[in-house]
């Protein structure tokens, strides 16, 4: 997960072409444009990258929940079985 992924996850309504722009001049990704009117003050790269463990934990939980959907019957299937 990189800076662009984190921004897309934290600001899903943002246009990555108009509101927020990420650039790489050969030394890594950085925020070259941030629309403060729409998204508030521009966060630092550290603030955004510090969110990675939290976002990864959410993805892991979703993966577990999805795998469990296949292991257990739905409420509708249980009602029909009665």
C-alpha atoms as a PDB file:
ATOM      1  CA  UNK A   1       0.000   0.000   0.000  1.00  0.00           C
ATOM      2  CA  UNK A   2       1.432   3.371  -0.973  1.00  0.00           C
ATOM      3  CA  UNK A   3       0.566   7.029  -0.509  1.00  0.00           C
ATOM      4  CA  UNK A   4      -1.854   7.090  -3.457  1.00  0.00           C
ATOM      5  CA  UNK A   5      -3.715   4.006  -2.169  1.00  0.00           C
ATOM      6  CA  UNK A   6      -4.066   5.490   1.307  1.00  0.00           C
ATOM      7  CA  UNK A   7      -5.434   8.765  -0.057  1.00  0.00           C
ATOM      8  CA  UNK A   8      -7.948   6.947  -2.272  1.00  0.00           C
ATOM      9  CA  UNK A   9      -9.167   4.912   0.701  1.00  0.00           C
ATOM     10  CA  UNK A  10      -9.376   7.830   3.128  1.00  0.00           C
ATOM     11  CA  UNK A  11     -10.849  10.290   0.614  1.00  0.00           C
ATOM     12  CA  UNK A  12     -12.982   8.127  -1.738  1.00  0.00           C
ATOM     13  CA  UNK A  13     -15.030  11.120  -2.916  1.00  0.00           C
ATOM     14  CA  UNK A  14     -11.921  13.006  -4.048  1.00  0.00           C
ATOM     15  CA  UNK A  15     -11.004  13.272  -7.700  1.00  0.00           C
ATOM     16  CA  UNK A  16      -7.401  12.206  -8.096  1.00  0.00           C
ATOM     17  CA  UNK A  17      -7.149  14.542 -11.095  1.00  0.00           C
ATOM     18  CA  UNK A  18      -8.776  17.738  -9.809  1.00  0.00           C
ATOM     19  CA  UNK A  19      -8.925  17.681  -6.005  1.00  0.00           C
ATOM     20  CA  UNK A  20      -5.777  15.788  -5.100  1.00  0.00           C
ATOM     21  CA  UNK A  21      -2.758  15.120  -7.270  1.00  0.00           C
ATOM     22  CA  UNK A  22       0.061  12.711  -6.530  1.00  0.00           C
ATOM     23  CA  UNK A  23       3.369  13.095  -8.305  1.00  0.00           C
ATOM     24  CA  UNK A  24       6.657  11.184  -8.499  1.00  0.00           C
ATOM     25  CA  UNK A  25       9.715  13.040  -9.748  1.00  0.00           C
ATOM     26  CA  UNK A  26      11.950  10.033  -9.227  1.00  0.00           C
ATOM     27  CA  UNK A  27      12.296  10.324  -5.460  1.00  0.00           C
ATOM     28  CA  UNK A  28       8.966   8.769  -4.518  1.00  0.00           C
ATOM     29  CA  UNK A  29       5.333   9.788  -4.399  1.00  0.00           C
ATOM     30  CA  UNK A  30       4.250  13.081  -2.872  1.00  0.00           C
ATOM     31  CA  UNK A  31       1.141  15.259  -2.856  1.00  0.00           C
ATOM     32  CA  UNK A  32       1.618  17.967  -5.469  1.00  0.00           C
ATOM     33  CA  UNK A  33      -1.902  19.447  -5.185  1.00  0.00           C
ATOM     34  CA  UNK A  34      -4.484  19.316  -2.380  1.00  0.00           C
ATOM     35  CA  UNK A  35      -7.874  21.059  -2.522  1.00  0.00           C
ATOM     36  CA  UNK A  36      -8.190  22.394   1.036  1.00  0.00           C
ATOM     37  CA  UNK A  37     -11.665  23.820   0.389  1.00  0.00           C
ATOM     38  CA  UNK A  38     -13.034  20.321  -0.178  1.00  0.00           C
ATOM     39  CA  UNK A  39     -10.794  18.146   2.005  1.00  0.00           C
ATOM     40  CA  UNK A  40      -9.499  20.401   4.754  1.00  0.00           C
ATOM     41  CA  UNK A  41      -5.841  20.985   5.576  1.00  0.00           C
ATOM     42  CA  UNK A  42      -3.341  18.913   3.639  1.00  0.00           C
ATOM     43  CA  UNK A  43      -2.145  16.013   5.817  1.00  0.00           C
ATOM     44  CA  UNK A  44       1.532  15.197   5.982  1.00  0.00           C
ATOM     45  CA  UNK A  45       2.856  12.113   4.262  1.00  0.00           C
ATOM     46  CA  UNK A  46       3.654  10.662   7.693  1.00  0.00           C
ATOM     47  CA  UNK A  47       0.075  11.203   8.908  1.00  0.00           C
ATOM     48  CA  UNK A  48      -1.253   9.355   5.863  1.00  0.00           C
ATOM     49  CA  UNK A  49       1.262   6.508   5.951  1.00  0.00           C
ATOM     50  CA  UNK A  50       0.640   6.029   9.688  1.00  0.00           C
ATOM     51  CA  UNK A  51      -2.911   4.990   8.711  1.00  0.00           C
ATOM     52  CA  UNK A  52      -1.650   1.908   6.816  1.00  0.00           C
ATOM     53  CA  UNK A  53      -1.832  -0.522   9.777  1.00  0.00           C
ATOM     54  CA  UNK A  54      -5.405   0.586  10.539  1.00  0.00           C
ATOM     55  CA  UNK A  55      -6.449   0.241   6.892  1.00  0.00           C
ATOM     56  CA  UNK A  56      -4.714  -3.134   6.610  1.00  0.00           C
ATOM     57  CA  UNK A  57      -6.555  -4.361   9.710  1.00  0.00           C
ATOM     58  CA  UNK A  58      -9.861  -3.326   8.120  1.00  0.00           C
ATOM     59  CA  UNK A  59      -8.982  -5.207   4.920  1.00  0.00           C
ATOM     60  CA  UNK A  60      -8.022  -8.285   6.931  1.00  0.00           C
ATOM     61  CA  UNK A  61     -11.306  -8.180   8.857  1.00  0.00           C
ATOM     62  CA  UNK A  62     -13.299  -7.864   5.644  1.00  0.00           C
ATOM     63  CA  UNK A  63     -11.447 -10.852   4.192  1.00  0.00           C
ATOM     64  CA  UNK A  64     -12.280 -12.946   7.265  1.00  0.00           C
ATOM     65  CA  UNK A  65     -15.937 -11.913   7.162  1.00  0.00           C
ATOM     66  CA  UNK A  66     -16.194 -12.745   3.467  1.00  0.00           C
ATOM     67  CA  UNK A  67     -14.633 -16.159   3.980  1.00  0.00           C
ATOM     68  CA  UNK A  68     -17.091 -16.857   6.800  1.00  0.00           C
ATOM     69  CA  UNK A  69     -20.042 -15.989   4.550  1.00  0.00           C
ATOM     70  CA  UNK A  70     -19.194 -19.067   2.505  1.00  0.00           C
ATOM     71  CA  UNK A  71     -18.806 -21.299   5.575  1.00  0.00           C
ATOM     72  CA  UNK A  72     -22.164 -20.562   7.223  1.00  0.00           C
ATOM     73  CA  UNK A  73     -25.720 -20.522   5.855  1.00  0.00           C
ATOM     74  CA  UNK A  74     -27.530 -17.234   5.425  1.00  0.00           C
ATOM     75  CA  UNK A  75     -30.566 -16.338   7.552  1.00  0.00           C
ATOM     76  CA  UNK A  76     -32.802 -17.048   4.560  1.00  0.00           C
ATOM     77  CA  UNK A  77     -31.282 -20.516   4.152  1.00  0.00           C
ATOM     78  CA  UNK A  78     -31.848 -21.236   7.830  1.00  0.00           C
ATOM     79  CA  UNK A  79     -35.491 -20.137   7.653  1.00  0.00           C
ATOM     80  CA  UNK A  80     -36.125 -22.362   4.621  1.00  0.00           C
ATOM     81  CA  UNK A  81     -34.491 -25.286   6.416  1.00  0.00           C
ATOM     82  CA  UNK A  82     -36.983 -24.934   9.299  1.00  0.00           C
END
